[in-house]
Amino acid sequence: MGFWALLEGFLLFANALAILNEDRFLSPRGWSFDEFSGGRRKSLKGQLVGLIYAVQYMRVPLILLNIITIIVKLVTG
């Protein structure tokens, strides 16, 4: 496994986190950002919820990274 494959894996993981819908998926399972306030953000679950919302906040750079990855894959094969 090369470095490029590792970067593609991280990009796919970020895409998976970016498409999670709060109303349909996160809130019914108790993963809403509003539920984690104060000291509860220090827990593992609180940090994962923070990561999900950080990835969702960075959607435009994620789209650009996807476009760059597609172009590189088209050029290099």
N, C-alpha and C. Protein backbone atom coordinates (compact mmCIF):
# COMPACT_ATOMS: atom_id res chain seq x y z
N MET A 1 0.85 -1.17 0.00
CA MET A 1 0.00 0.00 0.00
C MET A 1 0.90 1.24 0.00
N GLY A 2 0.69 2.07 -0.96
CA GLY A 2 1.50 3.26 -1.08
C GLY A 2 0.89 4.45 -0.36
N PHE A 3 1.64 5.53 -0.38
CA PHE A 3 1.19 6.76 0.27
C PHE A 3 -0.06 7.32 -0.39
N TRP A 4 -0.13 7.22 -1.72
CA TRP A 4 -1.29 7.73 -2.46
C TRP A 4 -2.55 6.96 -2.08
N ALA A 5 -2.44 5.65 -1.92
CA ALA A 5 -3.59 4.83 -1.53
C ALA A 5 -4.05 5.19 -0.11
N LEU A 6 -3.10 5.51 0.76
CA LEU A 6 -3.44 5.93 2.11
C LEU A 6 -4.19 7.26 2.10
N LEU A 7 -3.73 8.19 1.28
CA LEU A 7 -4.42 9.48 1.15
C LEU A 7 -5.82 9.30 0.57
N GLU A 8 -5.98 8.41 -0.39
CA GLU A 8 -7.30 8.13 -0.96
C GLU A 8 -8.22 7.53 0.10
N GLY A 9 -7.68 6.68 0.94
CA GLY A 9 -8.48 6.10 2.02
C GLY A 9 -8.98 7.15 3.00
N PHE A 10 -8.10 8.08 3.37
CA PHE A 10 -8.52 9.17 4.25
C PHE A 10 -9.56 10.06 3.59
N LEU A 11 -9.41 10.29 2.29
CA LEU A 11 -10.39 11.09 1.55
C LEU A 11 -11.74 10.40 1.50
N LEU A 12 -11.74 9.09 1.28
CA LEU A 12 -13.00 8.35 1.29
C LEU A 12 -13.66 8.36 2.67
N PHE A 13 -12.85 8.25 3.72
CA PHE A 13 -13.38 8.31 5.08
C PHE A 13 -13.97 9.69 5.37
N ALA A 14 -13.30 10.76 4.93
CA ALA A 14 -13.81 12.11 5.12
C ALA A 14 -15.11 12.30 4.34
N ASN A 15 -15.21 11.73 3.14
CA ASN A 15 -16.45 11.80 2.37
C ASN A 15 -17.58 11.10 3.11
N ALA A 16 -17.27 9.96 3.70
CA ALA A 16 -18.30 9.22 4.45
C ALA A 16 -18.80 10.02 5.64
N LEU A 17 -17.92 10.72 6.32
CA LEU A 17 -18.34 11.54 7.46
C LEU A 17 -19.11 12.78 7.01
N ALA A 18 -18.76 13.31 5.86
CA ALA A 18 -19.38 14.55 5.39
C ALA A 18 -20.83 14.36 4.97
N ILE A 19 -21.22 13.15 4.59
CA ILE A 19 -22.58 12.97 4.09
C ILE A 19 -23.56 12.52 5.18
N LEU A 20 -23.09 12.37 6.42
CA LEU A 20 -24.00 11.96 7.48
C LEU A 20 -24.97 13.10 7.79
N ASN A 21 -26.25 12.79 7.78
CA ASN A 21 -27.29 13.77 8.04
C ASN A 21 -27.62 13.78 9.53
N GLU A 22 -27.63 14.97 10.13
CA GLU A 22 -27.88 15.06 11.57
C GLU A 22 -29.30 14.65 11.92
N ASP A 23 -30.29 15.10 11.16
CA ASP A 23 -31.67 14.82 11.51
C ASP A 23 -32.03 13.34 11.33
N ARG A 24 -31.52 12.73 10.28
CA ARG A 24 -31.89 11.34 10.00
C ARG A 24 -31.01 10.32 10.69
N PHE A 25 -29.74 10.62 10.86
CA PHE A 25 -28.82 9.60 11.35
C PHE A 25 -28.24 9.91 12.73
N LEU A 26 -27.74 11.11 12.92
CA LEU A 26 -26.99 11.40 14.14
C LEU A 26 -27.88 11.62 15.36
N SER A 27 -28.90 12.45 15.25
CA SER A 27 -29.75 12.76 16.40
C SER A 27 -30.48 11.56 16.98
N PRO A 28 -31.10 10.69 16.16
CA PRO A 28 -31.78 9.53 16.76
C PRO A 28 -30.84 8.59 17.53
N ARG A 29 -29.57 8.62 17.24
CA ARG A 29 -28.61 7.75 17.91
C ARG A 29 -27.87 8.44 19.05
N GLY A 30 -28.25 9.69 19.34
CA GLY A 30 -27.61 10.42 20.43
C GLY A 30 -26.27 11.03 20.08
N TRP A 31 -26.02 11.27 18.80
CA TRP A 31 -24.76 11.83 18.36
C TRP A 31 -24.91 13.28 17.89
N SER A 32 -25.89 13.98 18.41
CA SER A 32 -26.11 15.37 18.03
C SER A 32 -25.08 16.28 18.70
N PHE A 33 -24.70 17.34 18.02
CA PHE A 33 -23.71 18.26 18.55
C PHE A 33 -24.26 19.02 19.75
N ASP A 34 -25.58 19.24 19.78
CA ASP A 34 -26.20 19.96 20.89
C ASP A 34 -26.14 19.18 22.20
N GLU A 35 -26.06 17.87 22.12
CA GLU A 35 -26.04 17.05 23.33
C GLU A 35 -24.70 17.09 24.04
N PHE A 36 -23.66 17.52 23.35
CA PHE A 36 -22.33 17.54 23.94
C PHE A 36 -21.94 18.97 24.25
N SER A 37 -22.09 19.33 25.51
CA SER A 37 -21.71 20.66 25.94
C SER A 37 -20.88 20.54 27.21
N GLY A 38 -20.01 21.48 27.40
CA GLY A 38 -19.20 21.48 28.61
C GLY A 38 -18.16 20.38 28.63
N GLY A 39 -18.15 19.61 29.71
CA GLY A 39 -17.14 18.59 29.91
C GLY A 39 -17.35 17.32 29.11
N ARG A 40 -18.51 17.15 28.53
CA ARG A 40 -18.79 15.91 27.79
C ARG A 40 -18.05 15.86 26.45
N ARG A 41 -17.51 16.97 26.01
CA ARG A 41 -16.76 16.98 24.75
C ARG A 41 -15.40 16.31 24.89
N LYS A 42 -14.98 16.09 26.11
CA LYS A 42 -13.68 15.45 26.34
C LYS A 42 -13.75 13.94 26.14
N SER A 43 -14.94 13.38 26.14
CA SER A 43 -15.07 11.93 25.98
C SER A 43 -14.78 11.54 24.53
N LEU A 44 -14.59 10.25 24.31
CA LEU A 44 -14.32 9.75 22.96
C LEU A 44 -15.50 10.03 22.04
N LYS A 45 -16.70 9.80 22.53
CA LYS A 45 -17.90 10.05 21.72
C LYS A 45 -18.02 11.54 21.38
N GLY A 46 -17.73 12.41 22.34
CA GLY A 46 -17.77 13.84 22.08
C GLY A 46 -16.74 14.28 21.05
N GLN A 47 -15.56 13.67 21.09
CA GLN A 47 -14.53 14.01 20.12
C GLN A 47 -14.89 13.49 18.73
N LEU A 48 -15.53 12.33 18.65
CA LEU A 48 -15.97 11.82 17.35
C LEU A 48 -17.06 12.70 16.76
N VAL A 49 -17.99 13.16 17.60
CA VAL A 49 -19.02 14.07 17.11
C VAL A 49 -18.39 15.38 16.63
N GLY A 50 -17.40 15.87 17.35
CA GLY A 50 -16.68 17.07 16.91
C GLY A 50 -15.97 16.86 15.58
N LEU A 51 -15.39 15.68 15.39
CA LEU A 51 -14.73 15.36 14.12
C LEU A 51 -15.74 15.33 12.98
N ILE A 52 -16.90 14.73 13.22
CA ILE A 52 -17.94 14.67 12.18
C ILE A 52 -18.37 16.07 11.77
N TYR A 53 -18.59 16.94 12.74
CA TYR A 53 -19.02 18.30 12.42
C TYR A 53 -17.91 19.13 11.79
N ALA A 54 -16.67 18.86 12.15
CA ALA A 54 -15.55 19.58 11.52
C ALA A 54 -15.43 19.20 10.05
N VAL A 55 -15.61 17.92 9.75
CA VAL A 55 -15.55 17.46 8.35
C VAL A 55 -16.73 18.03 7.57
N GLN A 56 -17.90 18.09 8.18
CA GLN A 56 -19.06 18.64 7.49
C GLN A 56 -18.90 20.14 7.25
N TYR A 57 -18.19 20.81 8.14
CA TYR A 57 -17.94 22.24 7.98
C TYR A 57 -16.98 22.50 6.82
N MET A 58 -16.08 21.58 6.55
CA MET A 58 -15.05 21.75 5.52
C MET A 58 -15.45 21.07 4.21
N ARG A 59 -16.69 21.18 3.82
CA ARG A 59 -17.17 20.50 2.61
C ARG A 59 -16.58 21.07 1.32
N VAL A 60 -16.41 22.38 1.24
CA VAL A 60 -15.88 22.98 0.00
C VAL A 60 -14.44 22.53 -0.25
N PRO A 61 -13.54 22.56 0.74
CA PRO A 61 -12.20 22.02 0.47
C PRO A 61 -12.24 20.52 0.16
N LEU A 62 -13.18 19.81 0.75
CA LEU A 62 -13.31 18.38 0.47
C LEU A 62 -13.74 18.14 -0.97
N ILE A 63 -14.61 18.98 -1.48
CA ILE A 63 -15.02 18.88 -2.89
C ILE A 63 -13.82 19.14 -3.80
N LEU A 64 -13.02 20.14 -3.46
CA LEU A 64 -11.83 20.44 -4.26
C LEU A 64 -10.83 19.29 -4.23
N LEU A 65 -10.64 18.68 -3.07
CA LEU A 65 -9.74 17.52 -2.99
C LEU A 65 -10.27 16.36 -3.81
N ASN A 66 -11.58 16.16 -3.83
CA ASN A 66 -12.15 15.11 -4.66
C ASN A 66 -11.92 15.37 -6.15
N ILE A 67 -12.07 16.62 -6.56
CA ILE A 67 -11.85 16.98 -7.96
C ILE A 67 -10.39 16.74 -8.34
N ILE A 68 -9.47 17.16 -7.47
CA ILE A 68 -8.04 16.95 -7.74
C ILE A 68 -7.72 15.46 -7.83
N THR A 69 -8.30 14.67 -6.93
CA THR A 69 -8.05 13.23 -6.94
C THR A 69 -8.59 12.59 -8.22
N ILE A 70 -9.75 13.01 -8.65
CA ILE A 70 -10.34 12.48 -9.90
C ILE A 70 -9.46 12.82 -11.09
N ILE A 71 -8.99 14.06 -11.15
CA ILE A 71 -8.14 14.47 -12.26
C ILE A 71 -6.84 13.70 -12.28
N VAL A 72 -6.23 13.52 -11.11
CA VAL A 72 -4.97 12.76 -11.04
C VAL A 72 -5.20 11.32 -11.46
N LYS A 73 -6.31 10.72 -11.03
CA LYS A 73 -6.61 9.33 -11.41
C LYS A 73 -6.87 9.22 -12.92
N LEU A 74 -7.50 10.22 -13.51
CA LEU A 74 -7.74 10.19 -14.95
C LEU A 74 -6.44 10.33 -15.73
N VAL A 75 -5.53 11.16 -15.26
CA VAL A 75 -4.28 11.38 -15.97
C VAL A 75 -3.34 10.19 -15.80
N THR A 76 -3.22 9.68 -14.59
CA THR A 76 -2.23 8.63 -14.33
C THR A 76 -2.78 7.23 -14.54
N GLY A 77 -4.08 7.09 -14.54
CA GLY A 77 -4.65 5.77 -14.81
C GLY A 77 -4.98 4.97 -13.65
